[in-house]
PDB file of N, CA and C in Angstrom:
ATOM      1  N   MET A   1       0.841  -1.189   0.000  1.00  0.00           N
ATOM      2  CA  MET A   1       0.000   0.000   0.000  1.00  0.00           C
ATOM      3  C   MET A   1       0.877   1.240   0.000  1.00  0.00           C
ATOM      4  N   GLY A   2       0.449   2.228  -0.721  1.00  0.00           N
ATOM      5  CA  GLY A   2       1.191   3.473  -0.819  1.00  0.00           C
ATOM      6  C   GLY A   2       0.450   4.590  -0.120  1.00  0.00           C
ATOM      7  N   LEU A   3       0.289   5.653  -0.832  1.00  0.00           N
ATOM      8  CA  LEU A   3      -0.355   6.841  -0.285  1.00  0.00           C
ATOM      9  C   LEU A   3      -1.870   6.684  -0.262  1.00  0.00           C
ATOM     10  N   GLY A   4      -2.448   6.609   0.892  1.00  0.00           N
ATOM     11  CA  GLY A   4      -3.903   6.573   1.038  1.00  0.00           C
ATOM     12  C   GLY A   4      -4.573   5.424   0.289  1.00  0.00           C
ATOM     13  N   GLY A   5      -3.954   4.257   0.256  1.00  0.00           N
ATOM     14  CA  GLY A   5      -4.560   3.112  -0.406  1.00  0.00           C
ATOM     15  C   GLY A   5      -4.220   2.995  -1.874  1.00  0.00           C
ATOM     16  N   VAL A   6      -3.351   3.855  -2.406  1.00  0.00           N
ATOM     17  CA  VAL A   6      -2.956   3.795  -3.805  1.00  0.00           C
ATOM     18  C   VAL A   6      -1.542   3.232  -3.857  1.00  0.00           C
ATOM     19  N   SER A   7      -1.364   2.143  -4.586  1.00  0.00           N
ATOM     20  CA  SER A   7      -0.041   1.529  -4.659  1.00  0.00           C
ATOM     21  C   SER A   7       0.820   2.234  -5.699  1.00  0.00           C
ATOM     22  N   ILE A   8       2.107   1.946  -5.659  1.00  0.00           N
ATOM     23  CA  ILE A   8       3.044   2.546  -6.604  1.00  0.00           C
ATOM     24  C   ILE A   8       2.746   2.094  -8.026  1.00  0.00           C
ATOM     25  N   TRP A   9       2.256   0.858  -8.187  1.00  0.00           N
ATOM     26  CA  TRP A   9       1.931   0.350  -9.519  1.00  0.00           C
ATOM     27  C   TRP A   9       0.753   1.103 -10.124  1.00  0.00           C
ATOM     28  N   GLN A  10      -0.225   1.422  -9.323  1.00  0.00           N
ATOM     29  CA  GLN A  10      -1.374   2.184  -9.821  1.00  0.00           C
ATOM     30  C   GLN A  10      -0.943   3.579 -10.260  1.00  0.00           C
ATOM     31  N   LEU A  11      -0.045   4.198  -9.498  1.00  0.00           N
ATOM     32  CA  LEU A  11       0.466   5.514  -9.874  1.00  0.00           C
ATOM     33  C   LEU A  11       1.255   5.450 -11.182  1.00  0.00           C
ATOM     34  N   LEU A  12       2.062   4.405 -11.358  1.00  0.00           N
ATOM     35  CA  LEU A  12       2.831   4.250 -12.592  1.00  0.00           C
ATOM     36  C   LEU A  12       1.921   4.041 -13.799  1.00  0.00           C
ATOM     37  N   ILE A  13       0.860   3.255 -13.635  1.00  0.00           N
ATOM     38  CA  ILE A  13      -0.086   3.028 -14.732  1.00  0.00           C
ATOM     39  C   ILE A  13      -0.763   4.335 -15.124  1.00  0.00           C
ATOM     40  N   VAL A  14      -1.179   5.120 -14.146  1.00  0.00           N
ATOM     41  CA  VAL A  14      -1.804   6.421 -14.427  1.00  0.00           C
ATOM     42  C   VAL A  14      -0.812   7.335 -15.135  1.00  0.00           C
ATOM     43  N   LEU A  15       0.435   7.340 -14.695  1.00  0.00           N
ATOM     44  CA  LEU A  15       1.467   8.164 -15.322  1.00  0.00           C
ATOM     45  C   LEU A  15       1.676   7.776 -16.780  1.00  0.00           C
ATOM     46  N   VAL A  16       1.734   6.483 -17.066  1.00  0.00           N
ATOM     47  CA  VAL A  16       1.903   6.008 -18.444  1.00  0.00           C
ATOM     48  C   VAL A  16       0.712   6.428 -19.303  1.00  0.00           C
ATOM     49  N   ILE A  17      -0.486   6.306 -18.784  1.00  0.00           N
ATOM     50  CA  ILE A  17      -1.683   6.698 -19.548  1.00  0.00           C
ATOM     51  C   ILE A  17      -1.666   8.195 -19.836  1.00  0.00           C
ATOM     52  N   VAL A  18      -1.299   9.005 -18.841  1.00  0.00           N
ATOM     53  CA  VAL A  18      -1.238  10.462 -19.039  1.00  0.00           C
ATOM     54  C   VAL A  18      -0.200  10.806 -20.101  1.00  0.00           C
ATOM     55  N   ILE A  19       0.963  10.155 -20.060  1.00  0.00           N
ATOM     56  CA  ILE A  19       2.000  10.416 -21.065  1.00  0.00           C
ATOM     57  C   ILE A  19       1.522  10.016 -22.455  1.00  0.00           C
ATOM     58  N   LEU A  20       0.830   8.896 -22.544  1.00  0.00           N
ATOM     59  CA  LEU A  20       0.311   8.464 -23.851  1.00  0.00           C
ATOM     60  C   LEU A  20      -0.753   9.423 -24.378  1.00  0.00           C
ATOM     61  N   LEU A  21      -1.602   9.936 -23.503  1.00  0.00           N
ATOM     62  CA  LEU A  21      -2.670  10.835 -23.940  1.00  0.00           C
ATOM     63  C   LEU A  21      -2.146  12.200 -24.373  1.00  0.00           C
ATOM     64  N   PHE A  22      -1.272  12.777 -23.565  1.00  0.00           N
ATOM     65  CA  PHE A  22      -0.853  14.157 -23.805  1.00  0.00           C
ATOM     66  C   PHE A  22       0.501  14.290 -24.491  1.00  0.00           C
ATOM     67  N   GLY A  23       1.360  13.330 -24.339  1.00  0.00           N
ATOM     68  CA  GLY A  23       2.691  13.426 -24.921  1.00  0.00           C
ATOM     69  C   GLY A  23       3.625  14.206 -24.008  1.00  0.00           C
ATOM     70  N   THR A  24       4.913  13.961 -24.191  1.00  0.00           N
ATOM     71  CA  THR A  24       5.884  14.592 -23.289  1.00  0.00           C
ATOM     72  C   THR A  24       6.031  16.091 -23.539  1.00  0.00           C
ATOM     73  N   LYS A  25       5.895  16.525 -24.797  1.00  0.00           N
ATOM     74  CA  LYS A  25       6.032  17.968 -25.081  1.00  0.00           C
ATOM     75  C   LYS A  25       4.914  18.767 -24.411  1.00  0.00           C
ATOM     76  N   LYS A  26       3.718  18.252 -24.512  1.00  0.00           N
ATOM     77  CA  LYS A  26       2.569  18.934 -23.899  1.00  0.00           C
ATOM     78  C   LYS A  26       2.716  18.970 -22.378  1.00  0.00           C
ATOM     79  N   LEU A  27       3.159  17.861 -21.786  1.00  0.00           N
ATOM     80  CA  LEU A  27       3.347  17.815 -20.334  1.00  0.00           C
ATOM     81  C   LEU A  27       4.464  18.763 -19.898  1.00  0.00           C
ATOM     82  N   ARG A  28       5.523  18.851 -20.711  1.00  0.00           N
ATOM     83  CA  ARG A  28       6.625  19.752 -20.391  1.00  0.00           C
ATOM     84  C   ARG A  28       6.158  21.210 -20.411  1.00  0.00           C
ATOM     85  N   SER A  29       5.393  21.572 -21.430  1.00  0.00           N
ATOM     86  CA  SER A  29       4.902  22.951 -21.505  1.00  0.00           C
ATOM     87  C   SER A  29       3.883  23.226 -20.395  1.00  0.00           C
ATOM     88  N   LEU A  30       3.077  22.226 -20.068  1.00  0.00           N
ATOM     89  CA  LEU A  30       2.119  22.367 -18.974  1.00  0.00           C
ATOM     90  C   LEU A  30       2.839  22.581 -17.646  1.00  0.00           C
ATOM     91  N   GLY A  31       3.919  21.826 -17.440  1.00  0.00           N
ATOM     92  CA  GLY A  31       4.723  21.995 -16.224  1.00  0.00           C
ATOM     93  C   GLY A  31       5.357  23.368 -16.149  1.00  0.00           C
ATOM     94  N   GLY A  32       5.854  23.863 -17.282  1.00  0.00           N
ATOM     95  CA  GLY A  32       6.435  25.209 -17.311  1.00  0.00           C
ATOM     96  C   GLY A  32       5.396  26.280 -17.017  1.00  0.00           C
ATOM     97  N   ASP A  33       4.212  26.122 -17.600  1.00  0.00           N
ATOM     98  CA  ASP A  33       3.126  27.082 -17.344  1.00  0.00           C
ATOM     99  C   ASP A  33       2.711  27.060 -15.879  1.00  0.00           C
ATOM    100  N   LEU A  34       2.623  25.864 -15.320  1.00  0.00           N
ATOM    101  CA  LEU A  34       2.249  25.741 -13.910  1.00  0.00           C
ATOM    102  C   LEU A  34       3.313  26.376 -13.017  1.00  0.00           C
ATOM    103  N   GLY A  35       4.580  26.144 -13.344  1.00  0.00           N
ATOM    104  CA  GLY A  35       5.673  26.733 -12.565  1.00  0.00           C
ATOM    105  C   GLY A  35       5.657  28.248 -12.605  1.00  0.00           C
ATOM    106  N   SER A  36       5.435  28.830 -13.777  1.00  0.00           N
ATOM    107  CA  SER A  36       5.397  30.290 -13.871  1.00  0.00           C
ATOM    108  C   SER A  36       4.158  30.854 -13.171  1.00  0.00           C
ATOM    109  N   ALA A  37       3.055  30.129 -13.203  1.00  0.00           N
ATOM    110  CA  ALA A  37       1.856  30.583 -12.495  1.00  0.00           C
ATOM    111  C   ALA A  37       2.098  30.609 -10.987  1.00  0.00           C
ATOM    112  N   ILE A  38       2.760  29.584 -10.465  1.00  0.00           N
ATOM    113  CA  ILE A  38       3.066  29.536  -9.029  1.00  0.00           C
ATOM    114  C   ILE A  38       4.024  30.654  -8.667  1.00  0.00           C
ATOM    115  N   LYS A  39       5.018  30.897  -9.516  1.00  0.00           N
ATOM    116  CA  LYS A  39       5.992  31.966  -9.276  1.00  0.00           C
ATOM    117  C   LYS A  39       5.289  33.329  -9.223  1.00  0.00           C
ATOM    118  N   ASN A  40       4.396  33.580 -10.184  1.00  0.00           N
ATOM    119  CA  ASN A  40       3.654  34.850 -10.196  1.00  0.00           C
ATOM    120  C   ASN A  40       2.740  34.978  -8.987  1.00  0.00           C
ATOM    121  N   PHE A  41       2.136  33.877  -8.577  1.00  0.00           N
ATOM    122  CA  PHE A  41       1.261  33.906  -7.409  1.00  0.00           C
ATOM    123  C   PHE A  41       2.049  34.267  -6.152  1.00  0.00           C
ATOM    124  N   LYS A  42       3.215  33.631  -5.968  1.00  0.00           N
ATOM    125  CA  LYS A  42       4.041  33.934  -4.800  1.00  0.00           C
ATOM    126  C   LYS A  42       4.486  35.383  -4.806  1.00  0.00           C
ATOM    127  N   GLN A  43       4.844  35.899  -5.993  1.00  0.00           N
ATOM    128  CA  GLN A  43       5.260  37.294  -6.097  1.00  0.00           C
ATOM    129  C   GLN A  43       4.103  38.231  -5.732  1.00  0.00           C
ATOM    130  N   SER A  44       2.904  37.914  -6.176  1.00  0.00           N
ATOM    131  CA  SER A  44       1.734  38.737  -5.854  1.00  0.00           C
ATOM    132  C   SER A  44       1.433  38.712  -4.362  1.00  0.00           C
ATOM    133  N   VAL A  45       1.586  37.545  -3.737  1.00  0.00           N
ATOM    134  CA  VAL A  45       1.342  37.429  -2.295  1.00  0.00           C
ATOM    135  C   VAL A  45       2.356  38.289  -1.541  1.00  0.00           C
ATOM    136  N   ARG A  46       3.640  38.224  -1.955  1.00  0.00           N
ATOM    137  CA  ARG A  46       4.666  39.044  -1.309  1.00  0.00           C
ATOM    138  C   ARG A  46       4.360  40.527  -1.454  1.00  0.00           C
ATOM    139  N   GLU A  47       3.956  40.949  -2.655  1.00  0.00           N
ATOM    140  CA  GLU A  47       3.625  42.355  -2.881  1.00  0.00           C
ATOM    141  C   GLU A  47       2.413  42.763  -2.048  1.00  0.00           C
ATOM    142  N   GLY A  48       1.445  41.870  -1.917  1.00  0.00           N
ATOM    143  CA  GLY A  48       0.265  42.162  -1.097  1.00  0.00           C
ATOM    144  C   GLY A  48       0.628  42.312   0.364  1.00  0.00           C
ATOM    145  N   GLU A  49       1.524  41.455   0.855  1.00  0.00           N
ATOM    146  CA  GLU A  49       1.967  41.562   2.252  1.00  0.00           C
ATOM    147  C   GLU A  49       2.720  42.863   2.476  1.00  0.00           C
ATOM    148  N   ASP A  50       3.569  43.245   1.509  1.00  0.00           N
ATOM    149  CA  ASP A  50       4.299  44.501   1.630  1.00  0.00           C
ATOM    150  C   ASP A  50       3.339  45.686   1.653  1.00  0.00           C
ATOM    151  N   SER A  51       2.303  45.612   0.827  1.00  0.00           N
ATOM    152  CA  SER A  51       1.311  46.682   0.782  1.00  0.00           C
ATOM    153  C   SER A  51       0.561  46.782   2.104  1.00  0.00           C
ATOM    154  N   VAL A  52       0.192  45.641   2.668  1.00  0.00           N
ATOM    155  CA  VAL A  52      -0.512  45.625   3.956  1.00  0.00           C
ATOM    156  C   VAL A  52       0.391  46.181   5.047  1.00  0.00           C
ATOM    157  N   ASN A  53       1.655  45.796   5.042  1.00  0.00           N
ATOM    158  CA  ASN A  53       2.594  46.297   6.043  1.00  0.00           C
ATOM    159  C   ASN A  53       2.775  47.802   5.907  1.00  0.00           C
ATOM    160  N   ASP A  54       2.850  48.301   4.672  1.00  0.00           N
ATOM    161  CA  ASP A  54       2.969  49.741   4.455  1.00  0.00           C
ATOM    162  C   ASP A  54       1.721  50.468   4.943  1.00  0.00           C
ATOM    163  N   ASP A  55       0.540  49.888   4.666  1.00  0.00           N
ATOM    164  CA  ASP A  55      -0.709  50.490   5.122  1.00  0.00           C
ATOM    165  C   ASP A  55      -0.782  50.522   6.649  1.00  0.00           C
ATOM    166  N   ASP A  56      -0.373  49.420   7.288  1.00  0.00           N
ATOM    167  CA  ASP A  56      -0.368  49.364   8.752  1.00  0.00           C
ATOM    168  C   ASP A  56       0.572  50.409   9.334  1.00  0.00           C
ATOM    169  N   ALA A  57       1.736  50.583   8.722  1.00  0.00           N
ATOM    170  CA  ALA A  57       2.691  51.573   9.207  1.00  0.00           C
ATOM    171  C   ALA A  57       2.112  52.975   9.063  1.00  0.00           C
ATOM    172  N   ALA A  58       1.436  53.237   7.953  1.00  0.00           N
ATOM    173  CA  ALA A  58       0.841  54.556   7.745  1.00  0.00           C
ATOM    174  C   ALA A  58      -0.276  54.815   8.754  1.00  0.00           C
ATOM    175  N   ILE A  59      -1.095  53.805   9.023  1.00  0.00           N
ATOM    176  CA  ILE A  59      -2.185  53.954  10.002  1.00  0.00           C
ATOM    177  C   ILE A  59      -1.611  54.212  11.385  1.00  0.00           C
ATOM    178  N   ASN A  60      -0.580  53.445  11.769  1.00  0.00           N
ATOM    179  CA  ASN A  60       0.044  53.642  13.077  1.00  0.00           C
ATOM    180  C   ASN A  60       0.646  55.029  13.190  1.00  0.00           C
ATOM    181  N   HIS A  61       1.252  55.518  12.107  1.00  0.00           N
ATOM    182  CA  HIS A  61       1.838  56.856  12.109  1.00  0.00           C
ATOM    183  C   HIS A  61       0.746  57.914  12.283  1.00  0.00           C
ATOM    184  N   GLU A  62      -0.378  57.750  11.572  1.00  0.00           N
ATOM    185  CA  GLU A  62      -1.484  58.699  11.685  1.00  0.00           C
ATOM    186  C   GLU A  62      -2.076  58.690  13.092  1.00  0.00           C
ATOM    187  N   GLN A  63      -2.229  57.489  13.674  1.00  0.00           N
ATOM    188  CA  GLN A  63      -2.786  57.390  15.022  1.00  0.00           C
ATOM    189  C   GLN A  63      -1.850  58.039  16.036  1.00  0.00           C
ATOM    190  N   THR A  64      -0.557  57.834  15.893  1.00  0.00           N
ATOM    191  CA  THR A  64       0.417  58.434  16.803  1.00  0.00           C
ATOM    192  C   THR A  64       0.378  59.950  16.688  1.00  0.00           C
ATOM    193  N   ALA A  65       0.312  60.442  15.456  1.00  0.00           N
ATOM    194  CA  ALA A  65       0.276  61.890  15.250  1.00  0.00           C
ATOM    195  C   ALA A  65      -1.001  62.490  15.834  1.00  0.00           C
ATOM    196  N   SER A  66      -2.138  61.826  15.643  1.00  0.00           N
ATOM    197  CA  SER A  66      -3.393  62.370  16.169  1.00  0.00           C
ATOM    198  C   SER A  66      -3.415  62.289  17.698  1.00  0.00           C
ATOM    199  N   ASN A  67      -2.821  61.240  18.278  1.00  0.00           N
ATOM    200  CA  ASN A  67      -2.751  61.148  19.738  1.00  0.00           C
ATOM    201  C   ASN A  67      -1.861  62.241  20.307  1.00  0.00           C
ATOM    202  N   GLN A  68      -0.762  62.518  19.640  1.00  0.00           N
ATOM    203  CA  GLN A  68       0.125  63.589  20.108  1.00  0.00           C
ATOM    204  C   GLN A  68      -0.569  64.933  19.996  1.00  0.00           C
ATOM    205  N   HIS A  69      -1.287  65.125  18.900  1.00  0.00           N
ATOM    206  CA  HIS A  69      -2.013  66.385  18.706  1.00  0.00           C
ATOM    207  C   HIS A  69      -3.093  66.549  19.779  1.00  0.00           C
ATOM    208  N   ALA A  70      -3.798  65.473  20.096  1.00  0.00           N
ATOM    209  CA  ALA A  70      -4.852  65.522  21.109  1.00  0.00           C
ATOM    210  C   ALA A  70      -4.261  65.793  22.490  1.00  0.00           C
ATOM    211  N   SER A  71      -3.119  65.208  22.806  1.00  0.00           N
ATOM    212  CA  SER A  71      -2.512  65.436  24.120  1.00  0.00           C
ATOM    213  C   SER A  71      -1.978  66.856  24.220  1.00  0.00           C
ATOM    214  N   GLU A  72      -1.466  67.404  23.111  1.00  0.00           N
ATOM    215  CA  GLU A  72      -1.022  68.796  23.119  1.00  0.00           C
ATOM    216  C   GLU A  72      -2.206  69.736  23.315  1.00  0.00           C
ATOM    217  N   LYS A  73      -3.338  69.400  22.691  1.00  0.00           N
ATOM    218  CA  LYS A  73      -4.541  70.203  22.801  1.00  0.00           C
ATOM    219  C   LYS A  73      -5.045  70.191  24.251  1.00  0.00           C
ATOM    220  N   ASP A  74      -5.007  69.008  24.907  1.00  0.00           N
ATOM    221  CA  ASP A  74      -5.421  68.910  26.292  1.00  0.00           C
ATOM    222  C   ASP A  74      -4.503  69.710  27.203  1.00  0.00           C
ATOM    223  N   THR A  75      -3.229  69.686  26.913  1.00  0.00           N
ATOM    224  CA  THR A  75      -2.247  70.416  27.724  1.00  0.00           C
ATOM    225  C   THR A  75      -2.503  71.924  27.632  1.00  0.00           C
ATOM    226  N   HIS A  76      -2.792  72.417  26.437  1.00  0.00           N
ATOM    227  CA  HIS A  76      -3.042  73.846  26.251  1.00  0.00           C
ATOM    228  C   HIS A  76      -4.381  74.264  26.870  1.00  0.00           C
ATOM    229  N   SER A  77      -5.376  73.396  26.847  1.00  0.00           N
ATOM    230  CA  SER A  77      -6.678  73.769  27.408  1.00  0.00           C
ATOM    231  C   SER A  77      -6.646  73.743  28.933  1.00  0.00           C
ATOM    232  N   ASN A  78      -5.749  72.955  29.529  1.00  0.00           N
ATOM    233  CA  ASN A  78      -5.642  72.910  30.981  1.00  0.00           C
ATOM    234  C   ASN A  78      -4.907  74.120  31.528  1.00  0.00           C
ATOM    235  N   ASN A  79      -4.124  74.782  30.705  1.00  0.00           N
ATOM    236  CA  ASN A  79      -3.366  75.954  31.169  1.00  0.00           C
ATOM    237  C   ASN A  79      -4.196  77.156  31.131  1.00  0.00           C
TER     238      ASN A  79
END
């Protein structure tokens, strides 16, 4: 028994059938397309995380500035 009840022989038979149906050139190009799609997806995720981090930093900066402004306003009104 192999992975989840599938033996190695069953996997090899499926692999042979797929190669016969699609051919090695088609599978090679499909693999290249899949690889570039994964690469682009990872790059987009990284850019999205960077954007979120930049947005969080900007929000924190705005909150800090408004808190400082509010505390200065309270200090002046108490005098």
